[in-house]
């Protein structure tokens, strides 16, 4: 069986799993396949990337946030507040450690989460 034999859903599932690959280039390549997809199981894979150290992946998400289904992400956030809170804390941690010279409002992970309506709560007050 080859990739061409997979259904779109199977390709999306495979790409979501590859967003956890150890190689950032592999994660980014597979993320590109997912950013316009509207599936209820997808947000944790994309949001997780915003709480990680590869700023280029965060930039990609921030740049493509307009194509992402906000309602799907909002529903996931409402059902998983602890996951969203943890991701926000990770965003703040990476920003504070490596990018503090820029205002947090310019940090790509913050911009993406804010644009998706996922940045509320105490982490927003810096």
C-alpha atoms as a PDB file:
ATOM      1  CA  UNK A   1       0.000   0.000   0.000  1.00  0.00           C
ATOM      2  CA  UNK A   2       1.284   3.478  -0.843  1.00  0.00           C
ATOM      3  CA  UNK A   3       0.265   6.960   0.257  1.00  0.00           C
ATOM      4  CA  UNK A   4      -1.750   7.343  -2.927  1.00  0.00           C
ATOM      5  CA  UNK A   5      -3.921   4.399  -1.848  1.00  0.00           C
ATOM      6  CA  UNK A   6      -4.975   6.114   1.378  1.00  0.00           C
ATOM      7  CA  UNK A   7      -8.249   7.988   1.718  1.00  0.00           C
ATOM      8  CA  UNK A   8      -8.171  11.686   2.614  1.00  0.00           C
ATOM      9  CA  UNK A   9      -9.132  10.853   6.187  1.00  0.00           C
ATOM     10  CA  UNK A  10      -6.337   8.286   6.445  1.00  0.00           C
ATOM     11  CA  UNK A  11      -3.848  10.854   5.101  1.00  0.00           C
ATOM     12  CA  UNK A  12      -5.066  13.403   7.655  1.00  0.00           C
ATOM     13  CA  UNK A  13      -4.694  10.903  10.490  1.00  0.00           C
ATOM     14  CA  UNK A  14      -1.198   9.998   9.292  1.00  0.00           C
ATOM     15  CA  UNK A  15      -0.219  13.666   9.047  1.00  0.00           C
ATOM     16  CA  UNK A  16      -1.585  14.363  12.524  1.00  0.00           C
ATOM     17  CA  UNK A  17       0.599  11.584  13.916  1.00  0.00           C
ATOM     18  CA  UNK A  18       3.624  12.955  12.054  1.00  0.00           C
ATOM     19  CA  UNK A  19       3.158  16.319  13.799  1.00  0.00           C
ATOM     20  CA  UNK A  20       4.730  14.507  16.761  1.00  0.00           C
ATOM     21  CA  UNK A  21       7.837  13.415  14.797  1.00  0.00           C
ATOM     22  CA  UNK A  22      11.241  14.203  16.326  1.00  0.00           C
ATOM     23  CA  UNK A  23      12.292  16.133  13.206  1.00  0.00           C
ATOM     24  CA  UNK A  24      10.823  19.650  13.041  1.00  0.00           C
ATOM     25  CA  UNK A  25      10.921  19.658   9.237  1.00  0.00           C
ATOM     26  CA  UNK A  26       8.766  16.516   9.158  1.00  0.00           C
ATOM     27  CA  UNK A  27       6.356  18.060  11.676  1.00  0.00           C
ATOM     28  CA  UNK A  28       6.083  21.218   9.565  1.00  0.00           C
ATOM     29  CA  UNK A  29       5.552  19.332   6.294  1.00  0.00           C
ATOM     30  CA  UNK A  30       2.680  17.332   7.760  1.00  0.00           C
ATOM     31  CA  UNK A  31       1.204  20.317   9.566  1.00  0.00           C
ATOM     32  CA  UNK A  32       0.834  22.070   6.193  1.00  0.00           C
ATOM     33  CA  UNK A  33      -1.544  19.273   5.161  1.00  0.00           C
ATOM     34  CA  UNK A  34      -3.790  19.905   8.167  1.00  0.00           C
ATOM     35  CA  UNK A  35      -4.229  23.645   8.595  1.00  0.00           C
ATOM     36  CA  UNK A  36      -7.447  23.964   6.585  1.00  0.00           C
ATOM     37  CA  UNK A  37      -8.964  20.690   7.760  1.00  0.00           C
ATOM     38  CA  UNK A  38     -12.080  20.760   9.926  1.00  0.00           C
ATOM     39  CA  UNK A  39     -12.091  17.632  12.073  1.00  0.00           C
ATOM     40  CA  UNK A  40     -13.007  17.618  15.778  1.00  0.00           C
ATOM     41  CA  UNK A  41     -10.024  15.397  16.668  1.00  0.00           C
ATOM     42  CA  UNK A  42      -7.436  17.675  15.003  1.00  0.00           C
ATOM     43  CA  UNK A  43      -7.045  20.722  17.341  1.00  0.00           C
ATOM     44  CA  UNK A  44      -4.911  19.000  20.003  1.00  0.00           C
ATOM     45  CA  UNK A  45      -2.305  18.123  17.374  1.00  0.00           C
ATOM     46  CA  UNK A  46      -2.086  21.691  16.059  1.00  0.00           C
ATOM     47  CA  UNK A  47      -2.377  23.452  19.416  1.00  0.00           C
ATOM     48  CA  UNK A  48       0.361  21.254  20.872  1.00  0.00           C
ATOM     49  CA  UNK A  49       2.784  22.650  18.295  1.00  0.00           C
ATOM     50  CA  UNK A  50       2.138  26.185  19.569  1.00  0.00           C
ATOM     51  CA  UNK A  51       3.484  25.191  22.972  1.00  0.00           C
ATOM     52  CA  UNK A  52       6.776  23.942  21.575  1.00  0.00           C
ATOM     53  CA  UNK A  53      10.107  25.523  20.768  1.00  0.00           C
ATOM     54  CA  UNK A  54      10.074  25.543  16.935  1.00  0.00           C
ATOM     55  CA  UNK A  55       9.106  29.139  16.265  1.00  0.00           C
ATOM     56  CA  UNK A  56       8.952  28.566  12.494  1.00  0.00           C
ATOM     57  CA  UNK A  57       6.087  26.112  13.017  1.00  0.00           C
ATOM     58  CA  UNK A  58       4.324  28.657  15.224  1.00  0.00           C
ATOM     59  CA  UNK A  59       4.795  31.252  12.466  1.00  0.00           C
ATOM     60  CA  UNK A  60       3.235  28.904   9.926  1.00  0.00           C
ATOM     61  CA  UNK A  61       0.188  28.394  12.137  1.00  0.00           C
ATOM     62  CA  UNK A  62      -0.094  32.133  12.859  1.00  0.00           C
ATOM     63  CA  UNK A  63       0.114  32.925   9.143  1.00  0.00           C
ATOM     64  CA  UNK A  64      -2.581  30.385   8.241  1.00  0.00           C
ATOM     65  CA  UNK A  65      -4.947  30.918  11.169  1.00  0.00           C
ATOM     66  CA  UNK A  66      -7.500  32.538   8.847  1.00  0.00           C
ATOM     67  CA  UNK A  67      -8.002  29.216   7.052  1.00  0.00           C
ATOM     68  CA  UNK A  68      -8.506  27.291  10.279  1.00  0.00           C
ATOM     69  CA  UNK A  69     -12.020  26.448  11.543  1.00  0.00           C
ATOM     70  CA  UNK A  70     -12.348  28.707  14.608  1.00  0.00           C
ATOM     71  CA  UNK A  71     -15.518  27.016  15.843  1.00  0.00           C
ATOM     72  CA  UNK A  72     -13.805  23.630  15.975  1.00  0.00           C
ATOM     73  CA  UNK A  73     -10.892  25.076  17.954  1.00  0.00           C
ATOM     74  CA  UNK A  74     -13.224  27.027  20.254  1.00  0.00           C
ATOM     75  CA  UNK A  75     -15.245  23.887  21.003  1.00  0.00           C
ATOM     76  CA  UNK A  76     -12.081  21.931  21.751  1.00  0.00           C
ATOM     77  CA  UNK A  77     -10.846  24.735  24.030  1.00  0.00           C
ATOM     78  CA  UNK A  78     -14.147  24.876  25.911  1.00  0.00           C
ATOM     79  CA  UNK A  79     -14.064  21.103  26.464  1.00  0.00           C
ATOM     80  CA  UNK A  80     -10.356  21.014  27.384  1.00  0.00           C
ATOM     81  CA  UNK A  81      -9.490  24.079  29.473  1.00  0.00           C
ATOM     82  CA  UNK A  82      -6.575  22.371  31.235  1.00  0.00           C
ATOM     83  CA  UNK A  83      -4.929  21.504  27.903  1.00  0.00           C
ATOM     84  CA  UNK A  84      -5.331  25.071  26.671  1.00  0.00           C
ATOM     85  CA  UNK A  85      -4.024  26.471  29.979  1.00  0.00           C
ATOM     86  CA  UNK A  86      -0.968  24.220  29.846  1.00  0.00           C
ATOM     87  CA  UNK A  87      -0.274  25.266  26.262  1.00  0.00           C
ATOM     88  CA  UNK A  88      -0.578  28.957  27.207  1.00  0.00           C
ATOM     89  CA  UNK A  89       1.908  28.467  30.028  1.00  0.00           C
ATOM     90  CA  UNK A  90       4.308  26.745  27.635  1.00  0.00           C
ATOM     91  CA  UNK A  91       3.955  29.618  25.153  1.00  0.00           C
ATOM     92  CA  UNK A  92       4.793  32.114  27.893  1.00  0.00           C
ATOM     93  CA  UNK A  93       7.714  29.980  29.043  1.00  0.00           C
ATOM     94  CA  UNK A  94       9.329  29.715  25.588  1.00  0.00           C
ATOM     95  CA  UNK A  95       8.676  33.398  24.900  1.00  0.00           C
ATOM     96  CA  UNK A  96      10.203  34.438  28.242  1.00  0.00           C
ATOM     97  CA  UNK A  97      13.238  32.214  27.800  1.00  0.00           C
ATOM     98  CA  UNK A  98      14.128  32.878  24.147  1.00  0.00           C
ATOM     99  CA  UNK A  99      12.102  35.787  22.714  1.00  0.00           C
ATOM    100  CA  UNK A 100      11.520  38.223  25.572  1.00  0.00           C
ATOM    101  CA  UNK A 101      13.137  41.007  23.517  1.00  0.00           C
ATOM    102  CA  UNK A 102       9.975  41.092  21.388  1.00  0.00           C
ATOM    103  CA  UNK A 103       6.595  41.993  22.834  1.00  0.00           C
ATOM    104  CA  UNK A 104       4.586  38.843  23.489  1.00  0.00           C
ATOM    105  CA  UNK A 105       1.867  40.168  21.169  1.00  0.00           C
ATOM    106  CA  UNK A 106       4.345  39.672  18.302  1.00  0.00           C
ATOM    107  CA  UNK A 107       5.379  36.158  19.325  1.00  0.00           C
ATOM    108  CA  UNK A 108       3.874  33.789  16.702  1.00  0.00           C
ATOM    109  CA  UNK A 109       2.423  31.256  19.150  1.00  0.00           C
ATOM    110  CA  UNK A 110       0.664  34.027  21.076  1.00  0.00           C
ATOM    111  CA  UNK A 111      -0.630  35.585  17.835  1.00  0.00           C
ATOM    112  CA  UNK A 112      -2.022  32.242  16.664  1.00  0.00           C
ATOM    113  CA  UNK A 113      -3.701  31.413  19.950  1.00  0.00           C
ATOM    114  CA  UNK A 114      -5.075  34.916  20.279  1.00  0.00           C
ATOM    115  CA  UNK A 115      -6.433  34.873  16.715  1.00  0.00           C
ATOM    116  CA  UNK A 116      -8.137  31.555  17.430  1.00  0.00           C
ATOM    117  CA  UNK A 117      -9.703  33.027  20.576  1.00  0.00           C
ATOM    118  CA  UNK A 118      -7.653  30.709  22.820  1.00  0.00           C
ATOM    119  CA  UNK A 119      -5.797  33.364  24.794  1.00  0.00           C
ATOM    120  CA  UNK A 120      -7.761  34.287  27.872  1.00  0.00           C
ATOM    121  CA  UNK A 121      -7.107  33.964  31.550  1.00  0.00           C
ATOM    122  CA  UNK A 122      -4.234  34.897  33.794  1.00  0.00           C
ATOM    123  CA  UNK A 123      -1.526  33.997  31.262  1.00  0.00           C
ATOM    124  CA  UNK A 124      -2.693  36.941  29.151  1.00  0.00           C
ATOM    125  CA  UNK A 125      -1.596  39.411  31.849  1.00  0.00           C
ATOM    126  CA  UNK A 126       2.177  39.695  31.614  1.00  0.00           C
END
